[in-house]
């Protein structure tokens, strides 16, 4: 099983301890690049895939790195609807 397949399986299990770092790594493997939306974006982060101009918006958790369960579920559902997982 490749790193990408393992990362997808982890997201599919919708763990309560899924981290922003894991999400960033998975999205990078799927061809997305991270962009801050500007000085006033706060913790909002945009991921753009240039190949098809697909956009995913995430909330960067703070002070820790663990994403909320609803954010993890939203990421899973978004990637599933795009056909990436």
N, C-alpha and C. Protein backbone atom coordinates (compact mmCIF):
# COMPACT_ATOMS: atom_id res chain seq x y z
N UNK A 1 0.84 -1.17 0.00
CA UNK A 1 0.00 0.00 0.00
C UNK A 1 0.90 1.25 0.00
N UNK A 2 0.61 2.17 -0.90
CA UNK A 2 1.42 3.38 -1.02
C UNK A 2 1.08 4.38 0.08
N UNK A 3 1.94 5.41 0.21
CA UNK A 3 1.69 6.46 1.20
C UNK A 3 0.36 7.15 0.94
N UNK A 4 0.05 7.39 -0.34
CA UNK A 4 -1.21 8.04 -0.69
C UNK A 4 -2.39 7.18 -0.27
N UNK A 5 -2.32 5.89 -0.56
CA UNK A 5 -3.41 4.99 -0.19
C UNK A 5 -3.60 4.94 1.33
N UNK A 6 -2.48 4.93 2.07
CA UNK A 6 -2.56 4.93 3.53
C UNK A 6 -3.18 6.22 4.04
N UNK A 7 -2.79 7.34 3.44
CA UNK A 7 -3.33 8.64 3.86
C UNK A 7 -4.83 8.72 3.57
N UNK A 8 -5.25 8.18 2.43
CA UNK A 8 -6.67 8.17 2.08
C UNK A 8 -7.45 7.28 3.05
N UNK A 9 -6.92 6.11 3.37
CA UNK A 9 -7.57 5.20 4.31
C UNK A 9 -7.72 5.86 5.68
N UNK A 10 -6.71 6.58 6.11
CA UNK A 10 -6.78 7.26 7.41
C UNK A 10 -7.90 8.30 7.40
N UNK A 11 -8.00 9.09 6.33
CA UNK A 11 -9.05 10.09 6.24
C UNK A 11 -10.43 9.42 6.19
N UNK A 12 -10.54 8.33 5.44
CA UNK A 12 -11.81 7.63 5.33
C UNK A 12 -12.30 7.10 6.68
N UNK A 13 -11.38 6.81 7.59
CA UNK A 13 -11.78 6.32 8.91
C UNK A 13 -12.31 7.45 9.80
N UNK A 14 -12.19 8.70 9.34
CA UNK A 14 -12.66 9.90 10.03
C UNK A 14 -12.22 9.91 11.50
N UNK A 15 -10.90 9.86 11.74
CA UNK A 15 -10.40 9.83 13.11
C UNK A 15 -10.63 11.16 13.84
N UNK A 16 -10.75 11.08 15.14
CA UNK A 16 -10.95 12.29 15.94
C UNK A 16 -9.65 13.05 16.15
N UNK A 17 -8.51 12.42 15.83
CA UNK A 17 -7.20 13.06 16.03
C UNK A 17 -6.51 13.38 14.71
N UNK A 18 -7.29 13.62 13.64
CA UNK A 18 -6.73 13.95 12.33
C UNK A 18 -6.12 15.35 12.39
N UNK A 19 -4.90 15.48 11.92
CA UNK A 19 -4.20 16.76 12.04
C UNK A 19 -4.20 17.55 10.73
N UNK A 20 -4.00 18.84 10.89
CA UNK A 20 -3.88 19.72 9.72
C UNK A 20 -2.68 19.32 8.88
N UNK A 21 -1.60 18.90 9.53
CA UNK A 21 -0.41 18.45 8.81
C UNK A 21 -0.71 17.25 7.92
N UNK A 22 -1.51 16.32 8.42
CA UNK A 22 -1.90 15.16 7.61
C UNK A 22 -2.74 15.60 6.42
N UNK A 23 -3.67 16.52 6.65
CA UNK A 23 -4.52 17.03 5.57
C UNK A 23 -3.69 17.73 4.51
N UNK A 24 -2.74 18.55 4.96
CA UNK A 24 -1.87 19.28 4.04
C UNK A 24 -1.04 18.31 3.20
N UNK A 25 -0.52 17.26 3.83
CA UNK A 25 0.28 16.27 3.11
C UNK A 25 -0.58 15.52 2.09
N UNK A 26 -1.78 15.10 2.49
CA UNK A 26 -2.68 14.39 1.58
C UNK A 26 -3.05 15.26 0.39
N UNK A 27 -3.42 16.50 0.66
CA UNK A 27 -3.80 17.40 -0.43
C UNK A 27 -2.62 17.66 -1.36
N UNK A 28 -1.42 17.75 -0.81
CA UNK A 28 -0.23 17.92 -1.64
C UNK A 28 -0.02 16.72 -2.56
N UNK A 29 -0.26 15.52 -2.04
CA UNK A 29 -0.12 14.31 -2.86
C UNK A 29 -1.18 14.26 -3.95
N UNK A 30 -2.31 14.93 -3.72
CA UNK A 30 -3.38 14.96 -4.72
C UNK A 30 -3.24 16.13 -5.69
N UNK A 31 -2.14 16.90 -5.56
CA UNK A 31 -1.85 17.97 -6.50
C UNK A 31 -2.29 19.35 -6.07
N UNK A 32 -2.72 19.50 -4.82
CA UNK A 32 -3.16 20.81 -4.33
C UNK A 32 -1.97 21.58 -3.75
N UNK A 33 -2.00 22.90 -3.92
CA UNK A 33 -1.00 23.79 -3.34
C UNK A 33 -1.69 24.67 -2.31
N UNK A 34 -1.02 24.94 -1.20
CA UNK A 34 -1.58 25.75 -0.12
C UNK A 34 -1.35 27.23 -0.39
N UNK A 35 -2.41 28.03 -0.18
CA UNK A 35 -2.32 29.48 -0.31
C UNK A 35 -3.02 30.12 0.88
N UNK A 36 -2.36 31.08 1.53
CA UNK A 36 -3.06 31.89 2.51
C UNK A 36 -3.84 32.91 1.71
N UNK A 37 -5.02 33.22 2.18
CA UNK A 37 -5.89 34.12 1.43
C UNK A 37 -5.54 35.59 1.61
N UNK A 38 -4.43 35.89 2.26
CA UNK A 38 -4.02 37.27 2.45
C UNK A 38 -3.80 37.58 3.92
N UNK A 39 -3.39 38.79 4.20
CA UNK A 39 -3.08 39.20 5.58
C UNK A 39 -4.26 39.04 6.51
N UNK A 40 -5.46 39.30 6.01
CA UNK A 40 -6.64 39.28 6.87
C UNK A 40 -7.36 37.94 6.87
N UNK A 41 -6.75 36.92 6.31
CA UNK A 41 -7.44 35.64 6.20
C UNK A 41 -7.53 34.91 7.53
N UNK A 42 -6.69 35.27 8.48
CA UNK A 42 -6.70 34.59 9.76
C UNK A 42 -6.28 33.14 9.59
N UNK A 43 -7.11 32.24 10.04
CA UNK A 43 -6.75 30.83 9.96
C UNK A 43 -7.37 30.13 8.75
N UNK A 44 -8.00 30.89 7.88
CA UNK A 44 -8.57 30.30 6.66
C UNK A 44 -7.46 30.07 5.64
N UNK A 45 -7.44 28.87 5.09
CA UNK A 45 -6.40 28.50 4.13
C UNK A 45 -7.08 27.90 2.90
N UNK A 46 -6.57 28.29 1.73
CA UNK A 46 -7.11 27.78 0.47
C UNK A 46 -6.11 26.82 -0.13
N UNK A 47 -6.60 25.69 -0.63
CA UNK A 47 -5.79 24.75 -1.38
C UNK A 47 -6.32 24.73 -2.81
N UNK A 48 -5.42 24.96 -3.76
CA UNK A 48 -5.79 25.04 -5.17
C UNK A 48 -5.04 23.99 -5.95
N UNK A 49 -5.77 23.28 -6.82
CA UNK A 49 -5.13 22.32 -7.72
C UNK A 49 -5.15 22.94 -9.12
N UNK A 50 -3.97 23.37 -9.59
CA UNK A 50 -3.88 24.06 -10.89
C UNK A 50 -4.38 23.22 -12.07
N UNK A 51 -4.27 21.91 -11.99
CA UNK A 51 -4.65 21.05 -13.12
C UNK A 51 -6.11 21.24 -13.52
N UNK A 52 -6.99 21.43 -12.52
CA UNK A 52 -8.42 21.59 -12.84
C UNK A 52 -9.05 22.77 -12.10
N UNK A 53 -8.22 23.64 -11.53
CA UNK A 53 -8.66 24.82 -10.77
C UNK A 53 -9.63 24.47 -9.64
N UNK A 54 -9.45 23.30 -9.07
CA UNK A 54 -10.26 22.85 -7.95
C UNK A 54 -9.78 23.52 -6.67
N UNK A 55 -10.71 23.98 -5.84
CA UNK A 55 -10.38 24.71 -4.62
C UNK A 55 -11.00 24.00 -3.41
N UNK A 56 -10.21 23.91 -2.35
CA UNK A 56 -10.69 23.41 -1.06
C UNK A 56 -10.30 24.44 -0.01
N UNK A 57 -11.26 24.84 0.80
CA UNK A 57 -11.00 25.78 1.88
C UNK A 57 -10.99 25.03 3.20
N UNK A 58 -9.99 25.29 4.02
CA UNK A 58 -9.88 24.66 5.34
C UNK A 58 -9.64 25.72 6.39
N UNK A 59 -9.99 25.38 7.61
CA UNK A 59 -9.70 26.21 8.77
C UNK A 59 -8.48 25.61 9.45
N UNK A 60 -7.41 26.38 9.54
CA UNK A 60 -6.19 25.91 10.18
C UNK A 60 -6.41 25.96 11.69
N UNK A 61 -6.37 24.80 12.36
CA UNK A 61 -6.67 24.80 13.79
C UNK A 61 -5.60 25.51 14.61
N UNK A 62 -6.02 26.06 15.74
CA UNK A 62 -5.09 26.71 16.63
C UNK A 62 -5.62 26.61 18.04
N UNK A 63 -4.85 26.50 19.04
CA UNK A 63 -3.40 26.57 19.05
C UNK A 63 -2.75 25.26 18.64
N UNK A 64 -3.48 24.14 18.64
CA UNK A 64 -2.90 22.85 18.29
C UNK A 64 -2.96 22.57 16.81
N UNK A 65 -2.77 21.30 16.44
CA UNK A 65 -2.75 20.91 15.03
C UNK A 65 -3.92 19.98 14.70
N UNK A 66 -4.70 19.57 15.71
CA UNK A 66 -5.78 18.61 15.48
C UNK A 66 -7.01 19.33 14.94
N UNK A 67 -7.51 18.83 13.81
CA UNK A 67 -8.69 19.42 13.18
C UNK A 67 -9.95 18.96 13.91
N UNK A 68 -10.99 19.77 13.84
CA UNK A 68 -12.25 19.38 14.46
C UNK A 68 -12.86 18.22 13.66
N UNK A 69 -13.63 17.37 14.31
CA UNK A 69 -14.26 16.25 13.59
C UNK A 69 -15.12 16.72 12.42
N UNK A 70 -15.78 17.87 12.55
CA UNK A 70 -16.61 18.35 11.44
C UNK A 70 -15.74 18.79 10.25
N UNK A 71 -14.58 19.37 10.52
CA UNK A 71 -13.67 19.75 9.44
C UNK A 71 -13.12 18.52 8.73
N UNK A 72 -12.81 17.49 9.50
CA UNK A 72 -12.32 16.24 8.92
C UNK A 72 -13.39 15.63 8.03
N UNK A 73 -14.63 15.63 8.53
CA UNK A 73 -15.76 15.07 7.76
C UNK A 73 -15.98 15.88 6.49
N UNK A 74 -15.91 17.21 6.59
CA UNK A 74 -16.10 18.08 5.42
C UNK A 74 -15.01 17.82 4.37
N UNK A 75 -13.77 17.66 4.82
CA UNK A 75 -12.66 17.38 3.89
C UNK A 75 -12.91 16.05 3.19
N UNK A 76 -13.30 15.03 3.94
CA UNK A 76 -13.60 13.72 3.37
C UNK A 76 -14.71 13.84 2.32
N UNK A 77 -15.80 14.50 2.69
CA UNK A 77 -16.95 14.62 1.78
C UNK A 77 -16.59 15.40 0.51
N UNK A 78 -15.79 16.46 0.68
CA UNK A 78 -15.38 17.27 -0.48
C UNK A 78 -14.52 16.45 -1.44
N UNK A 79 -13.53 15.73 -0.89
CA UNK A 79 -12.65 14.93 -1.75
C UNK A 79 -13.42 13.79 -2.41
N UNK A 80 -14.39 13.24 -1.70
CA UNK A 80 -15.21 12.17 -2.27
C UNK A 80 -16.07 12.71 -3.42
N UNK A 81 -16.65 13.90 -3.24
CA UNK A 81 -17.49 14.47 -4.29
C UNK A 81 -16.65 14.85 -5.53
N UNK A 82 -15.38 15.17 -5.34
CA UNK A 82 -14.50 15.49 -6.46
C UNK A 82 -13.94 14.24 -7.13
N UNK A 83 -14.18 13.08 -6.51
CA UNK A 83 -13.69 11.82 -7.08
C UNK A 83 -12.23 11.52 -6.77
N UNK A 84 -11.67 12.20 -5.77
CA UNK A 84 -10.26 11.97 -5.41
C UNK A 84 -10.07 10.80 -4.46
N UNK A 85 -11.13 10.45 -3.73
CA UNK A 85 -11.04 9.29 -2.82
C UNK A 85 -12.23 8.37 -3.04
